[in-house]
């Protein structure tokens, strides 16, 4: 029986591997910025047994998005709205791509001439 590699968790974007100081250094921000995102409920970092904040790569990506918007002059509230709308748009685009692909597969499965075959104008 093989023992799982403990470092494999580092590949998980949701694994809280970074301390606050490491996260702040990677983002180029002060720890107070991360504390403010935690206090406002935007980020909810994992807490170690000693109560220390631990951040995942996913959380750092979100913090970086907020930082960029705040640096551009947006308020925290408007940055939150923008990030939410960006996420909804990305989800809608992914859904649309999935539905387009499914529709193409359905068309191909019921098309007796095969996909991409030119059609006479009256057959469209």
C-alpha atoms as a PDB file:
ATOM      1  CA  UNK A   1       0.000   0.000   0.000  1.00  0.00           C
ATOM      2  CA  UNK A   2       1.404   3.395  -0.980  1.00  0.00           C
ATOM      3  CA  UNK A   3       1.278   6.405   1.280  1.00  0.00           C
ATOM      4  CA  UNK A   4      -0.227   9.509  -0.311  1.00  0.00           C
ATOM      5  CA  UNK A   5       2.193  12.343  -0.973  1.00  0.00           C
ATOM      6  CA  UNK A   6       1.491  15.034   1.669  1.00  0.00           C
ATOM      7  CA  UNK A   7       2.629  17.763  -0.712  1.00  0.00           C
ATOM      8  CA  UNK A   8      -0.165  16.872  -3.149  1.00  0.00           C
ATOM      9  CA  UNK A   9      -2.468  19.121  -1.099  1.00  0.00           C
ATOM     10  CA  UNK A  10      -0.443  22.074  -2.358  1.00  0.00           C
ATOM     11  CA  UNK A  11      -1.962  21.475  -5.803  1.00  0.00           C
ATOM     12  CA  UNK A  12      -5.425  22.105  -4.343  1.00  0.00           C
ATOM     13  CA  UNK A  13      -6.304  25.794  -4.943  1.00  0.00           C
ATOM     14  CA  UNK A  14      -8.521  25.758  -1.840  1.00  0.00           C
ATOM     15  CA  UNK A  15      -5.883  24.368   0.532  1.00  0.00           C
ATOM     16  CA  UNK A  16      -4.985  27.038   3.128  1.00  0.00           C
ATOM     17  CA  UNK A  17      -1.213  26.796   2.868  1.00  0.00           C
ATOM     18  CA  UNK A  18      -0.080  30.385   3.342  1.00  0.00           C
ATOM     19  CA  UNK A  19       0.235  32.438   6.483  1.00  0.00           C
ATOM     20  CA  UNK A  20      -0.935  36.021   6.515  1.00  0.00           C
ATOM     21  CA  UNK A  21       2.599  37.369   6.159  1.00  0.00           C
ATOM     22  CA  UNK A  22       3.300  35.045   3.215  1.00  0.00           C
ATOM     23  CA  UNK A  23       0.032  36.014   1.551  1.00  0.00           C
ATOM     24  CA  UNK A  24       0.665  39.728   2.090  1.00  0.00           C
ATOM     25  CA  UNK A  25       4.166  39.438   0.662  1.00  0.00           C
ATOM     26  CA  UNK A  26       2.956  37.572  -2.420  1.00  0.00           C
ATOM     27  CA  UNK A  27       0.258  40.171  -3.073  1.00  0.00           C
ATOM     28  CA  UNK A  28       2.496  43.138  -2.270  1.00  0.00           C
ATOM     29  CA  UNK A  29       0.110  44.434   0.387  1.00  0.00           C
ATOM     30  CA  UNK A  30       0.184  45.066   4.098  1.00  0.00           C
ATOM     31  CA  UNK A  31      -1.321  42.452   6.415  1.00  0.00           C
ATOM     32  CA  UNK A  32      -3.888  45.104   7.382  1.00  0.00           C
ATOM     33  CA  UNK A  33      -5.339  44.869   3.866  1.00  0.00           C
ATOM     34  CA  UNK A  34      -5.977  41.139   4.311  1.00  0.00           C
ATOM     35  CA  UNK A  35      -7.410  41.749   7.776  1.00  0.00           C
ATOM     36  CA  UNK A  36      -9.783  44.344   6.293  1.00  0.00           C
ATOM     37  CA  UNK A  37     -11.002  41.860   3.669  1.00  0.00           C
ATOM     38  CA  UNK A  38     -11.548  39.334   6.447  1.00  0.00           C
ATOM     39  CA  UNK A  39     -13.351  41.894   8.617  1.00  0.00           C
ATOM     40  CA  UNK A  40     -15.663  42.889   5.762  1.00  0.00           C
ATOM     41  CA  UNK A  41     -16.516  39.248   5.050  1.00  0.00           C
ATOM     42  CA  UNK A  42     -14.969  39.211   1.565  1.00  0.00           C
ATOM     43  CA  UNK A  43     -12.344  36.661   2.555  1.00  0.00           C
ATOM     44  CA  UNK A  44     -12.890  34.130   5.254  1.00  0.00           C
ATOM     45  CA  UNK A  45      -9.496  32.550   5.795  1.00  0.00           C
ATOM     46  CA  UNK A  46      -9.067  29.255   7.543  1.00  0.00           C
ATOM     47  CA  UNK A  47      -7.977  29.592  11.161  1.00  0.00           C
ATOM     48  CA  UNK A  48      -5.278  27.371  12.571  1.00  0.00           C
ATOM     49  CA  UNK A  49      -5.677  25.782  16.011  1.00  0.00           C
ATOM     50  CA  UNK A  50      -3.859  28.833  17.401  1.00  0.00           C
ATOM     51  CA  UNK A  51      -6.232  31.231  15.621  1.00  0.00           C
ATOM     52  CA  UNK A  52      -3.802  32.314  12.908  1.00  0.00           C
ATOM     53  CA  UNK A  53      -5.197  33.066   9.461  1.00  0.00           C
ATOM     54  CA  UNK A  54      -4.253  30.713   6.611  1.00  0.00           C
ATOM     55  CA  UNK A  55      -4.936  31.584   2.979  1.00  0.00           C
ATOM     56  CA  UNK A  56      -5.482  29.456  -0.107  1.00  0.00           C
ATOM     57  CA  UNK A  57      -4.413  30.297  -3.639  1.00  0.00           C
ATOM     58  CA  UNK A  58      -8.081  30.836  -4.507  1.00  0.00           C
ATOM     59  CA  UNK A  59      -8.405  33.396  -1.721  1.00  0.00           C
ATOM     60  CA  UNK A  60      -5.234  35.153  -2.837  1.00  0.00           C
ATOM     61  CA  UNK A  61      -6.582  35.410  -6.377  1.00  0.00           C
ATOM     62  CA  UNK A  62      -9.759  37.004  -5.027  1.00  0.00           C
ATOM     63  CA  UNK A  63      -7.767  39.396  -2.830  1.00  0.00           C
ATOM     64  CA  UNK A  64      -5.673  40.385  -5.862  1.00  0.00           C
ATOM     65  CA  UNK A  65      -8.814  41.144  -7.862  1.00  0.00           C
ATOM     66  CA  UNK A  66     -10.082  43.368  -5.065  1.00  0.00           C
ATOM     67  CA  UNK A  67      -6.738  45.074  -4.733  1.00  0.00           C
ATOM     68  CA  UNK A  68      -6.672  45.931  -8.439  1.00  0.00           C
ATOM     69  CA  UNK A  69     -10.162  47.408  -8.276  1.00  0.00           C
ATOM     70  CA  UNK A  70      -9.386  49.363  -5.104  1.00  0.00           C
ATOM     71  CA  UNK A  71      -6.174  50.647  -6.689  1.00  0.00           C
ATOM     72  CA  UNK A  72      -8.299  51.842  -9.627  1.00  0.00           C
ATOM     73  CA  UNK A  73     -10.315  53.983  -7.215  1.00  0.00           C
ATOM     74  CA  UNK A  74     -13.345  51.807  -6.575  1.00  0.00           C
ATOM     75  CA  UNK A  75     -14.848  51.594  -3.122  1.00  0.00           C
ATOM     76  CA  UNK A  76     -14.952  48.238  -1.382  1.00  0.00           C
ATOM     77  CA  UNK A  77     -18.695  48.007  -2.036  1.00  0.00           C
ATOM     78  CA  UNK A  78     -18.385  48.729  -5.759  1.00  0.00           C
ATOM     79  CA  UNK A  79     -15.404  46.367  -6.030  1.00  0.00           C
ATOM     80  CA  UNK A  80     -17.553  43.648  -4.466  1.00  0.00           C
ATOM     81  CA  UNK A  81     -20.315  44.326  -6.972  1.00  0.00           C
ATOM     82  CA  UNK A  82     -17.867  44.275  -9.890  1.00  0.00           C
ATOM     83  CA  UNK A  83     -16.266  41.007  -8.771  1.00  0.00           C
ATOM     84  CA  UNK A  84     -19.703  39.446  -8.307  1.00  0.00           C
ATOM     85  CA  UNK A  85     -20.821  40.537 -11.769  1.00  0.00           C
ATOM     86  CA  UNK A  86     -17.558  39.357 -13.339  1.00  0.00           C
ATOM     87  CA  UNK A  87     -18.049  35.944 -11.746  1.00  0.00           C
ATOM     88  CA  UNK A  88     -21.672  35.756 -12.924  1.00  0.00           C
ATOM     89  CA  UNK A  89     -20.628  36.695 -16.459  1.00  0.00           C
ATOM     90  CA  UNK A  90     -17.875  34.056 -16.495  1.00  0.00           C
ATOM     91  CA  UNK A  91     -20.365  31.448 -15.282  1.00  0.00           C
ATOM     92  CA  UNK A  92     -22.939  32.484 -17.908  1.00  0.00           C
ATOM     93  CA  UNK A  93     -20.306  32.310 -20.655  1.00  0.00           C
ATOM     94  CA  UNK A  94     -19.273  28.828 -19.514  1.00  0.00           C
ATOM     95  CA  UNK A  95     -22.934  27.744 -19.514  1.00  0.00           C
ATOM     96  CA  UNK A  96     -23.442  29.191 -23.009  1.00  0.00           C
ATOM     97  CA  UNK A  97     -20.368  27.379 -24.319  1.00  0.00           C
ATOM     98  CA  UNK A  98     -21.605  24.128 -22.788  1.00  0.00           C
ATOM     99  CA  UNK A  99     -25.060  24.562 -24.328  1.00  0.00           C
ATOM    100  CA  UNK A 100     -23.591  25.435 -27.741  1.00  0.00           C
ATOM    101  CA  UNK A 101     -21.475  22.284 -27.609  1.00  0.00           C
ATOM    102  CA  UNK A 102     -24.451  20.159 -26.570  1.00  0.00           C
ATOM    103  CA  UNK A 103     -26.575  21.659 -29.359  1.00  0.00           C
ATOM    104  CA  UNK A 104     -23.850  20.915 -31.912  1.00  0.00           C
ATOM    105  CA  UNK A 105     -23.649  17.319 -30.714  1.00  0.00           C
ATOM    106  CA  UNK A 106     -27.427  16.967 -30.981  1.00  0.00           C
ATOM    107  CA  UNK A 107     -27.453  18.482 -34.455  1.00  0.00           C
ATOM    108  CA  UNK A 108     -24.678  16.141 -35.558  1.00  0.00           C
ATOM    109  CA  UNK A 109     -26.451  13.109 -34.160  1.00  0.00           C
ATOM    110  CA  UNK A 110     -29.708  13.839 -36.012  1.00  0.00           C
ATOM    111  CA  UNK A 111     -28.208  15.293 -39.220  1.00  0.00           C
ATOM    112  CA  UNK A 112     -28.378  12.587 -41.888  1.00  0.00           C
ATOM    113  CA  UNK A 113     -25.801  14.337 -44.093  1.00  0.00           C
ATOM    114  CA  UNK A 114     -23.302  14.911 -41.287  1.00  0.00           C
ATOM    115  CA  UNK A 115     -22.036  18.106 -39.706  1.00  0.00           C
ATOM    116  CA  UNK A 116     -20.648  20.848 -41.902  1.00  0.00           C
ATOM    117  CA  UNK A 117     -22.327  19.606 -45.085  1.00  0.00           C
ATOM    118  CA  UNK A 118     -23.476  22.559 -47.218  1.00  0.00           C
ATOM    119  CA  UNK A 119     -27.258  22.857 -47.415  1.00  0.00           C
ATOM    120  CA  UNK A 120     -29.414  24.201 -50.201  1.00  0.00           C
ATOM    121  CA  UNK A 121     -31.052  27.528 -49.245  1.00  0.00           C
ATOM    122  CA  UNK A 122     -34.524  25.950 -48.863  1.00  0.00           C
ATOM    123  CA  UNK A 123     -33.251  23.442 -46.254  1.00  0.00           C
ATOM    124  CA  UNK A 124     -32.149  25.984 -43.656  1.00  0.00           C
END
